[in-house]
Amino acid sequence: MNYEIIFEATSEPYRNLTFVIPGLALSVVGAVLVWRPALLEKFGYKKGRWRVFSWFFFLFAVAWTLGAGFSLMSRDFAASQELERGNCSVVEGVVENFHPMPKSGHDTERFEVNGVHFSYSDYVMSPGFNNTASHGGPIRDGLRVRICHNSGDILRLEVAQ
C-alpha cells in the first residue's frame, strides 16, 4: 500500500517559534525604554522613577524570549533527531474512535490506531502533529494511516493513497 507523508517533524523543526514573536516585540519596547528614556519624559514621566522599571521590563522580556525560544527549539530539535534516528514506534491501521476537537477548542482531538491512543490540539505547543480536523487536519474515522510516534507525539503521519 502506498502512503503519502502528511506531517514529518524533520521538515518543520522550528514551526513553533512564532510563539516567541510577542517576546521579541516586548524586548524591543524594553530596549527603547532603557536606551531612549527621553521618550518617556515626553509623556510626563519622571526620569529616575521609570529607570528601574525599564530595566526590569527589558531584562524580563529578554529572559522570557530566550527561555521560551530555547525550550521550544530544543523540544523540536530532539523530536527531529528521534525521527531521523528511527527512535519511534510505528503503528499502521485504520483510525478508530475518532473524537474531533470542536472548532472553538476547549478539548483535544483523539483517536486510536490498533489500540494505540493519540491526543493533540491546535492550541498546545508540540513538536509533533497537532492539526485538528476542525482546522483543516486530515484525520477522520476510517482513514488508513501509518504513524511514527514517540513519547505521545506523532513524529510522522502518513495517509494511505
N, C-alpha and C. Protein backbone atom coordinates (compact mmCIF):
# COMPACT_ATOMS: atom_id res chain seq x y z
N MET A 1 0.85 -1.18 0.00
CA MET A 1 0.00 0.00 0.00
C MET A 1 0.89 1.24 0.00
N ASN A 2 0.53 2.22 -0.80
CA ASN A 2 1.28 3.48 -0.88
C ASN A 2 0.77 4.48 0.14
N TYR A 3 1.69 5.20 0.77
CA TYR A 3 1.35 6.21 1.74
C TYR A 3 1.93 7.56 1.33
N GLU A 4 1.18 8.61 1.65
CA GLU A 4 1.65 9.98 1.43
C GLU A 4 1.99 10.58 2.79
N ILE A 5 3.17 11.18 2.90
CA ILE A 5 3.56 11.83 4.16
C ILE A 5 2.80 13.14 4.29
N ILE A 6 2.02 13.24 5.36
CA ILE A 6 1.23 14.44 5.64
C ILE A 6 1.99 15.37 6.58
N PHE A 7 2.71 14.78 7.54
CA PHE A 7 3.48 15.56 8.51
C PHE A 7 4.75 14.79 8.84
N GLU A 8 5.83 15.53 8.98
CA GLU A 8 7.09 14.95 9.41
C GLU A 8 7.82 15.99 10.25
N ALA A 9 8.18 15.63 11.47
CA ALA A 9 8.81 16.57 12.40
C ALA A 9 10.11 17.16 11.84
N THR A 10 10.83 16.40 11.02
CA THR A 10 12.10 16.89 10.49
C THR A 10 11.91 17.98 9.44
N SER A 11 10.74 18.07 8.83
CA SER A 11 10.53 19.07 7.78
C SER A 11 10.13 20.44 8.32
N GLU A 12 9.71 20.49 9.58
CA GLU A 12 9.31 21.75 10.19
C GLU A 12 9.88 21.85 11.60
N PRO A 13 11.21 21.84 11.75
CA PRO A 13 11.78 21.76 13.09
C PRO A 13 11.56 23.01 13.95
N TYR A 14 11.30 24.15 13.35
CA TYR A 14 11.15 25.38 14.14
C TYR A 14 9.78 26.02 13.95
N ARG A 15 8.76 25.22 13.69
CA ARG A 15 7.43 25.75 13.39
C ARG A 15 6.76 26.42 14.58
N ASN A 16 7.20 26.11 15.80
CA ASN A 16 6.59 26.69 16.99
C ASN A 16 7.23 28.01 17.42
N LEU A 17 8.24 28.46 16.71
CA LEU A 17 8.93 29.68 17.12
C LEU A 17 8.09 30.94 17.00
N THR A 18 6.99 30.89 16.28
CA THR A 18 6.11 32.07 16.20
C THR A 18 5.60 32.45 17.59
N PHE A 19 5.65 31.50 18.51
CA PHE A 19 5.22 31.75 19.88
C PHE A 19 6.09 32.81 20.57
N VAL A 20 7.34 32.98 20.14
CA VAL A 20 8.24 33.94 20.79
C VAL A 20 8.17 35.34 20.17
N ILE A 21 7.41 35.52 19.11
CA ILE A 21 7.32 36.84 18.48
C ILE A 21 6.84 37.92 19.45
N PRO A 22 5.82 37.68 20.27
CA PRO A 22 5.45 38.71 21.24
C PRO A 22 6.60 39.06 22.20
N GLY A 23 7.38 38.06 22.59
CA GLY A 23 8.53 38.33 23.46
C GLY A 23 9.58 39.19 22.77
N LEU A 24 9.79 38.94 21.48
CA LEU A 24 10.72 39.78 20.73
C LEU A 24 10.22 41.22 20.66
N ALA A 25 8.93 41.39 20.43
CA ALA A 25 8.35 42.74 20.37
C ALA A 25 8.50 43.45 21.71
N LEU A 26 8.22 42.74 22.80
CA LEU A 26 8.35 43.35 24.13
C LEU A 26 9.81 43.64 24.47
N SER A 27 10.73 42.84 23.96
CA SER A 27 12.17 43.10 24.17
C SER A 27 12.57 44.40 23.48
N VAL A 28 12.05 44.62 22.29
CA VAL A 28 12.33 45.87 21.57
C VAL A 28 11.76 47.06 22.33
N VAL A 29 10.54 46.92 22.83
CA VAL A 29 9.93 48.00 23.62
C VAL A 29 10.80 48.27 24.86
N GLY A 30 11.22 47.20 25.53
CA GLY A 30 12.07 47.37 26.71
C GLY A 30 13.39 48.05 26.37
N ALA A 31 13.98 47.69 25.24
CA ALA A 31 15.24 48.31 24.83
C ALA A 31 15.05 49.80 24.58
N VAL A 32 13.94 50.16 23.97
CA VAL A 32 13.65 51.58 23.73
C VAL A 32 13.48 52.30 25.07
N LEU A 33 12.79 51.69 26.02
CA LEU A 33 12.61 52.30 27.34
C LEU A 33 13.94 52.51 28.06
N VAL A 34 14.85 51.54 27.92
CA VAL A 34 16.14 51.62 28.60
C VAL A 34 17.07 52.62 27.93
N TRP A 35 17.19 52.56 26.60
CA TRP A 35 18.18 53.38 25.92
C TRP A 35 17.64 54.70 25.34
N ARG A 36 16.37 54.89 25.42
CA ARG A 36 15.77 56.16 24.99
C ARG A 36 14.76 56.66 26.04
N PRO A 37 15.22 56.90 27.27
CA PRO A 37 14.29 57.32 28.33
C PRO A 37 13.65 58.67 28.07
N ALA A 38 14.24 59.45 27.19
CA ALA A 38 13.66 60.76 26.86
C ALA A 38 12.25 60.60 26.26
N LEU A 39 11.99 59.46 25.65
CA LEU A 39 10.65 59.22 25.09
C LEU A 39 9.60 59.20 26.20
N LEU A 40 9.96 58.64 27.36
CA LEU A 40 9.02 58.62 28.48
C LEU A 40 8.80 60.02 29.04
N GLU A 41 9.85 60.81 29.05
CA GLU A 41 9.73 62.18 29.58
C GLU A 41 8.76 63.01 28.75
N LYS A 42 8.67 62.72 27.47
CA LYS A 42 7.74 63.44 26.60
C LYS A 42 6.29 63.20 27.02
N PHE A 43 6.05 62.04 27.67
CA PHE A 43 4.70 61.71 28.13
C PHE A 43 4.50 62.09 29.58
N GLY A 44 5.43 62.86 30.16
CA GLY A 44 5.27 63.36 31.52
C GLY A 44 5.81 62.47 32.62
N TYR A 45 6.52 61.39 32.27
CA TYR A 45 7.08 60.51 33.29
C TYR A 45 8.42 61.05 33.76
N LYS A 46 8.68 60.93 35.05
CA LYS A 46 9.94 61.41 35.60
C LYS A 46 11.04 60.39 35.33
N LYS A 47 12.21 60.89 35.00
CA LYS A 47 13.32 60.07 34.54
C LYS A 47 13.74 58.99 35.55
N GLY A 48 14.00 59.35 36.78
CA GLY A 48 14.53 58.41 37.77
C GLY A 48 13.56 57.30 38.14
N ARG A 49 12.30 57.62 38.27
CA ARG A 49 11.29 56.66 38.73
C ARG A 49 11.13 55.48 37.76
N TRP A 50 11.19 55.72 36.47
CA TRP A 50 10.93 54.70 35.47
C TRP A 50 12.18 53.94 35.04
N ARG A 51 13.36 54.39 35.49
CA ARG A 51 14.61 53.73 35.07
C ARG A 51 14.66 52.28 35.55
N VAL A 52 14.29 52.04 36.81
CA VAL A 52 14.30 50.67 37.36
C VAL A 52 13.26 49.81 36.66
N PHE A 53 12.07 50.36 36.47
CA PHE A 53 11.02 49.62 35.76
C PHE A 53 11.46 49.27 34.34
N SER A 54 12.08 50.22 33.66
CA SER A 54 12.51 49.99 32.27
C SER A 54 13.50 48.84 32.19
N TRP A 55 14.49 48.82 33.09
CA TRP A 55 15.46 47.73 33.10
C TRP A 55 14.80 46.40 33.45
N PHE A 56 13.92 46.39 34.43
CA PHE A 56 13.22 45.16 34.80
C PHE A 56 12.40 44.65 33.63
N PHE A 57 11.65 45.53 32.99
CA PHE A 57 10.82 45.17 31.84
C PHE A 57 11.68 44.57 30.73
N PHE A 58 12.77 45.25 30.39
CA PHE A 58 13.65 44.80 29.33
C PHE A 58 14.27 43.44 29.65
N LEU A 59 14.85 43.29 30.84
CA LEU A 59 15.51 42.04 31.21
C LEU A 59 14.53 40.88 31.30
N PHE A 60 13.32 41.14 31.81
CA PHE A 60 12.31 40.08 31.88
C PHE A 60 11.89 39.64 30.48
N ALA A 61 11.66 40.60 29.59
CA ALA A 61 11.25 40.28 28.21
C ALA A 61 12.32 39.47 27.49
N VAL A 62 13.58 39.86 27.65
CA VAL A 62 14.68 39.13 27.01
C VAL A 62 14.79 37.73 27.59
N ALA A 63 14.73 37.62 28.93
CA ALA A 63 14.85 36.30 29.58
C ALA A 63 13.70 35.39 29.16
N TRP A 64 12.47 35.91 29.13
CA TRP A 64 11.32 35.10 28.74
C TRP A 64 11.47 34.63 27.29
N THR A 65 11.87 35.54 26.40
CA THR A 65 12.01 35.20 24.99
C THR A 65 13.08 34.14 24.78
N LEU A 66 14.23 34.31 25.43
CA LEU A 66 15.30 33.33 25.30
C LEU A 66 14.89 31.98 25.89
N GLY A 67 14.25 32.01 27.06
CA GLY A 67 13.82 30.76 27.70
C GLY A 67 12.78 30.02 26.88
N ALA A 68 11.77 30.74 26.42
CA ALA A 68 10.72 30.11 25.60
C ALA A 68 11.30 29.62 24.28
N GLY A 69 12.13 30.43 23.65
CA GLY A 69 12.72 30.04 22.37
C GLY A 69 13.61 28.81 22.51
N PHE A 70 14.45 28.79 23.54
CA PHE A 70 15.33 27.64 23.75
C PHE A 70 14.52 26.39 24.06
N SER A 71 13.51 26.52 24.88
CA SER A 71 12.68 25.36 25.24
C SER A 71 11.99 24.77 24.01
N LEU A 72 11.37 25.62 23.21
CA LEU A 72 10.68 25.16 22.02
C LEU A 72 11.64 24.57 21.00
N MET A 73 12.77 25.25 20.78
CA MET A 73 13.73 24.76 19.79
C MET A 73 14.34 23.43 20.22
N SER A 74 14.64 23.29 21.50
CA SER A 74 15.25 22.04 21.95
C SER A 74 14.27 20.87 21.84
N ARG A 75 12.99 21.10 22.15
CA ARG A 75 11.99 20.03 22.00
C ARG A 75 11.80 19.65 20.54
N ASP A 76 11.69 20.67 19.67
CA ASP A 76 11.50 20.40 18.24
C ASP A 76 12.72 19.70 17.65
N PHE A 77 13.91 20.15 18.04
CA PHE A 77 15.14 19.55 17.54
C PHE A 77 15.26 18.10 18.03
N ALA A 78 14.95 17.86 19.30
CA ALA A 78 15.01 16.50 19.84
C ALA A 78 14.05 15.57 19.10
N ALA A 79 12.85 16.05 18.82
CA ALA A 79 11.87 15.23 18.09
C ALA A 79 12.39 14.93 16.68
N SER A 80 12.99 15.91 16.03
CA SER A 80 13.54 15.69 14.69
C SER A 80 14.66 14.65 14.73
N GLN A 81 15.51 14.74 15.74
CA GLN A 81 16.61 13.79 15.89
C GLN A 81 16.09 12.38 16.14
N GLU A 82 15.07 12.25 16.98
CA GLU A 82 14.49 10.93 17.26
C GLU A 82 13.93 10.31 15.98
N LEU A 83 13.26 11.11 15.18
CA LEU A 83 12.71 10.62 13.92
C LEU A 83 13.82 10.21 12.96
N GLU A 84 14.84 11.04 12.83
CA GLU A 84 15.94 10.72 11.92
C GLU A 84 16.66 9.44 12.34
N ARG A 85 16.78 9.21 13.64
CA ARG A 85 17.46 8.02 14.15
C ARG A 85 16.57 6.78 14.13
N GLY A 86 15.30 6.99 13.87
CA GLY A 86 14.36 5.87 13.87
C GLY A 86 13.95 5.44 15.26
N ASN A 87 14.12 6.33 16.25
CA ASN A 87 13.74 6.03 17.63
C ASN A 87 12.26 6.34 17.86
N CYS A 88 11.43 5.64 17.12
CA CYS A 88 9.99 5.84 17.29
C CYS A 88 9.29 4.51 17.01
N SER A 89 8.13 4.38 17.58
CA SER A 89 7.31 3.20 17.34
C SER A 89 6.40 3.48 16.15
N VAL A 90 6.16 2.46 15.36
CA VAL A 90 5.31 2.63 14.18
C VAL A 90 4.05 1.80 14.37
N VAL A 91 2.91 2.45 14.14
CA VAL A 91 1.63 1.76 14.17
C VAL A 91 0.94 2.04 12.84
N GLU A 92 0.32 1.00 12.29
CA GLU A 92 -0.34 1.12 11.00
C GLU A 92 -1.73 0.52 11.11
N GLY A 93 -2.69 1.21 10.54
CA GLY A 93 -4.04 0.69 10.57
C GLY A 93 -5.07 1.76 10.29
N VAL A 94 -6.29 1.49 10.72
CA VAL A 94 -7.43 2.37 10.46
C VAL A 94 -7.73 3.21 11.70
N VAL A 95 -8.01 4.48 11.49
CA VAL A 95 -8.37 5.39 12.58
C VAL A 95 -9.72 4.96 13.14
N GLU A 96 -9.77 4.75 14.46
CA GLU A 96 -11.00 4.35 15.15
C GLU A 96 -11.25 5.26 16.33
N ASN A 97 -12.49 5.27 16.81
CA ASN A 97 -12.89 6.06 17.97
C ASN A 97 -12.46 7.52 17.85
N PHE A 98 -12.63 8.07 16.67
CA PHE A 98 -12.21 9.44 16.40
C PHE A 98 -13.12 10.43 17.13
N HIS A 99 -12.51 11.32 17.88
CA HIS A 99 -13.23 12.38 18.59
C HIS A 99 -12.62 13.71 18.14
N PRO A 100 -13.29 14.44 17.23
CA PRO A 100 -12.71 15.70 16.74
C PRO A 100 -12.76 16.79 17.80
N MET A 101 -11.79 17.68 17.73
CA MET A 101 -11.81 18.85 18.61
C MET A 101 -12.84 19.84 18.06
N PRO A 102 -13.68 20.41 18.92
CA PRO A 102 -14.62 21.41 18.42
C PRO A 102 -13.88 22.63 17.87
N LYS A 103 -14.48 23.32 16.93
CA LYS A 103 -13.85 24.49 16.31
C LYS A 103 -13.47 25.54 17.35
N SER A 104 -14.23 25.61 18.43
CA SER A 104 -13.95 26.60 19.48
C SER A 104 -12.80 26.18 20.39
N GLY A 105 -12.31 24.97 20.25
CA GLY A 105 -11.24 24.49 21.12
C GLY A 105 -11.81 23.86 22.38
N HIS A 106 -11.15 24.07 23.51
CA HIS A 106 -11.59 23.58 24.82
C HIS A 106 -11.70 22.06 24.90
N ASP A 107 -10.95 21.37 24.08
CA ASP A 107 -10.92 19.92 24.11
C ASP A 107 -9.74 19.48 23.25
N THR A 108 -9.47 18.21 23.24
CA THR A 108 -8.42 17.68 22.37
C THR A 108 -9.06 16.80 21.31
N GLU A 109 -8.33 16.62 20.22
CA GLU A 109 -8.75 15.66 19.21
C GLU A 109 -8.11 14.34 19.60
N ARG A 110 -8.88 13.24 19.52
CA ARG A 110 -8.39 11.94 19.97
C ARG A 110 -8.80 10.86 18.99
N PHE A 111 -7.95 9.83 18.90
CA PHE A 111 -8.29 8.67 18.09
C PHE A 111 -7.37 7.52 18.47
N GLU A 112 -7.67 6.35 17.93
CA GLU A 112 -6.86 5.16 18.16
C GLU A 112 -6.55 4.49 16.83
N VAL A 113 -5.37 3.87 16.78
CA VAL A 113 -4.98 3.03 15.65
C VAL A 113 -4.42 1.75 16.25
N ASN A 114 -5.09 0.64 15.98
CA ASN A 114 -4.68 -0.68 16.51
C ASN A 114 -4.42 -0.63 18.02
N GLY A 115 -5.30 0.05 18.75
CA GLY A 115 -5.21 0.10 20.20
C GLY A 115 -4.27 1.14 20.76
N VAL A 116 -3.55 1.87 19.90
CA VAL A 116 -2.65 2.93 20.36
C VAL A 116 -3.43 4.25 20.33
N HIS A 117 -3.47 4.92 21.46
CA HIS A 117 -4.25 6.15 21.62
C HIS A 117 -3.40 7.38 21.29
N PHE A 118 -4.00 8.33 20.57
CA PHE A 118 -3.34 9.60 20.24
C PHE A 118 -4.26 10.75 20.63
N SER A 119 -3.66 11.84 21.09
CA SER A 119 -4.40 13.02 21.52
C SER A 119 -3.56 14.26 21.24
N TYR A 120 -4.17 15.31 20.69
CA TYR A 120 -3.45 16.54 20.37
C TYR A 120 -4.43 17.69 20.21
N SER A 121 -3.89 18.90 20.11
CA SER A 121 -4.71 20.10 19.95
C SER A 121 -3.93 21.15 19.17
N ASP A 122 -4.64 21.99 18.43
CA ASP A 122 -4.00 23.11 17.73
C ASP A 122 -3.45 24.13 18.73
N TYR A 123 -4.00 24.12 19.92
CA TYR A 123 -3.67 25.15 20.91
C TYR A 123 -2.59 24.72 21.90
N VAL A 124 -1.96 23.59 21.66
CA VAL A 124 -0.89 23.10 22.53
C VAL A 124 0.39 23.03 21.72
N MET A 125 1.45 23.70 22.20
CA MET A 125 2.74 23.66 21.52
C MET A 125 3.30 22.25 21.62
N SER A 126 3.58 21.67 20.49
CA SER A 126 4.07 20.30 20.46
C SER A 126 5.02 20.14 19.29
N PRO A 127 6.06 19.33 19.45
CA PRO A 127 6.94 19.07 18.32
C PRO A 127 6.31 18.11 17.31
N GLY A 128 5.20 17.50 17.70
CA GLY A 128 4.53 16.53 16.84
C GLY A 128 3.34 17.12 16.10
N PHE A 129 2.70 16.27 15.34
CA PHE A 129 1.50 16.65 14.58
C PHE A 129 0.41 17.13 15.54
N ASN A 130 -0.24 18.25 15.20
CA ASN A 130 -1.33 18.74 16.04
C ASN A 130 -2.38 19.52 15.25
N ASN A 131 -2.54 19.20 13.98
CA ASN A 131 -3.52 19.89 13.13
C ASN A 131 -4.86 19.17 13.19
N THR A 132 -5.80 19.74 13.93
CA THR A 132 -7.10 19.09 14.14
C THR A 132 -8.00 19.21 12.91
N ALA A 133 -8.96 18.31 12.82
CA ALA A 133 -9.89 18.30 11.68
C ALA A 133 -10.68 19.60 11.58
N SER A 134 -11.02 20.20 12.73
CA SER A 134 -11.79 21.45 12.70
C SER A 134 -10.98 22.62 12.15
N HIS A 135 -9.68 22.44 12.04
CA HIS A 135 -8.81 23.47 11.47
C HIS A 135 -8.09 22.95 10.21
N GLY A 136 -8.73 22.02 9.51
CA GLY A 136 -8.22 21.56 8.22
C GLY A 136 -7.36 20.31 8.26
N GLY A 137 -7.25 19.68 9.42
CA GLY A 137 -6.43 18.47 9.54
C GLY A 137 -7.05 17.29 8.81
N PRO A 138 -6.24 16.28 8.48
CA PRO A 138 -6.69 15.18 7.64
C PRO A 138 -7.34 14.00 8.39
N ILE A 139 -7.18 13.91 9.69
CA ILE A 139 -7.63 12.72 10.42
C ILE A 139 -9.16 12.66 10.47
N ARG A 140 -9.68 11.45 10.23
CA ARG A 140 -11.13 11.19 10.33
C ARG A 140 -11.32 9.69 10.55
N ASP A 141 -12.46 9.32 11.03
CA ASP A 141 -12.76 7.90 11.27
C ASP A 141 -12.64 7.11 9.98
N GLY A 142 -12.03 5.93 10.06
CA GLY A 142 -11.92 5.04 8.92
C GLY A 142 -10.73 5.30 8.01
N LEU A 143 -9.97 6.34 8.28
CA LEU A 143 -8.80 6.67 7.46
C LEU A 143 -7.67 5.69 7.75
N ARG A 144 -7.04 5.18 6.71
CA ARG A 144 -5.91 4.26 6.88
C ARG A 144 -4.64 5.09 7.00
N VAL A 145 -3.89 4.88 8.11
CA VAL A 145 -2.70 5.68 8.39
C VAL A 145 -1.53 4.81 8.83
N ARG A 146 -0.36 5.39 8.75
CA ARG A 146 0.85 4.82 9.35
C ARG A 146 1.47 5.96 10.17
N ILE A 147 1.71 5.71 11.45
CA ILE A 147 2.17 6.75 12.36
C ILE A 147 3.45 6.32 13.05
N CYS A 148 4.45 7.19 13.00
CA CYS A 148 5.68 7.01 13.77
C CYS A 148 5.55 7.95 14.96
N HIS A 149 5.58 7.39 16.17
CA HIS A 149 5.33 8.21 17.36
C HIS A 149 6.35 7.92 18.44
N ASN A 150 6.52 8.92 19.31
CA ASN A 150 7.46 8.80 20.42
C ASN A 150 7.00 9.73 21.54
N SER A 151 6.92 9.21 22.75
CA SER A 151 6.53 10.00 23.93
C SER A 151 5.20 10.73 23.73
N GLY A 152 4.27 10.10 23.04
CA GLY A 152 2.95 10.69 22.83
C GLY A 152 2.87 11.66 21.67
N ASP A 153 3.99 11.94 21.02
CA ASP A 153 3.99 12.87 19.88
C ASP A 153 4.01 12.09 18.57
N ILE A 154 3.19 12.55 17.62
CA ILE A 154 3.18 11.97 16.28
C ILE A 154 4.30 12.65 15.49
N LEU A 155 5.39 11.92 15.26
CA LEU A 155 6.55 12.50 14.58
C LEU A 155 6.45 12.40 13.07
N ARG A 156 5.73 11.38 12.58
CA ARG A 156 5.46 11.27 11.15
C ARG A 156 4.05 10.70 10.99
N LEU A 157 3.28 11.36 10.15
CA LEU A 157 1.92 10.91 9.85
C LEU A 157 1.85 10.64 8.35
N GLU A 158 1.48 9.42 8.00
CA GLU A 158 1.32 9.05 6.60
C GLU A 158 -0.11 8.55 6.40
N VAL A 159 -0.70 8.94 5.28
CA VAL A 159 -2.07 8.55 4.95
C VAL A 159 -2.04 7.70 3.68
N ALA A 160 -2.80 6.61 3.70
CA ALA A 160 -2.85 5.70 2.56
C ALA A 160 -3.48 6.40 1.36
N GLN A 161 -2.94 6.09 0.18
CA GLN A 161 -3.45 6.66 -1.08
C GLN A 161 -4.67 5.88 -1.54
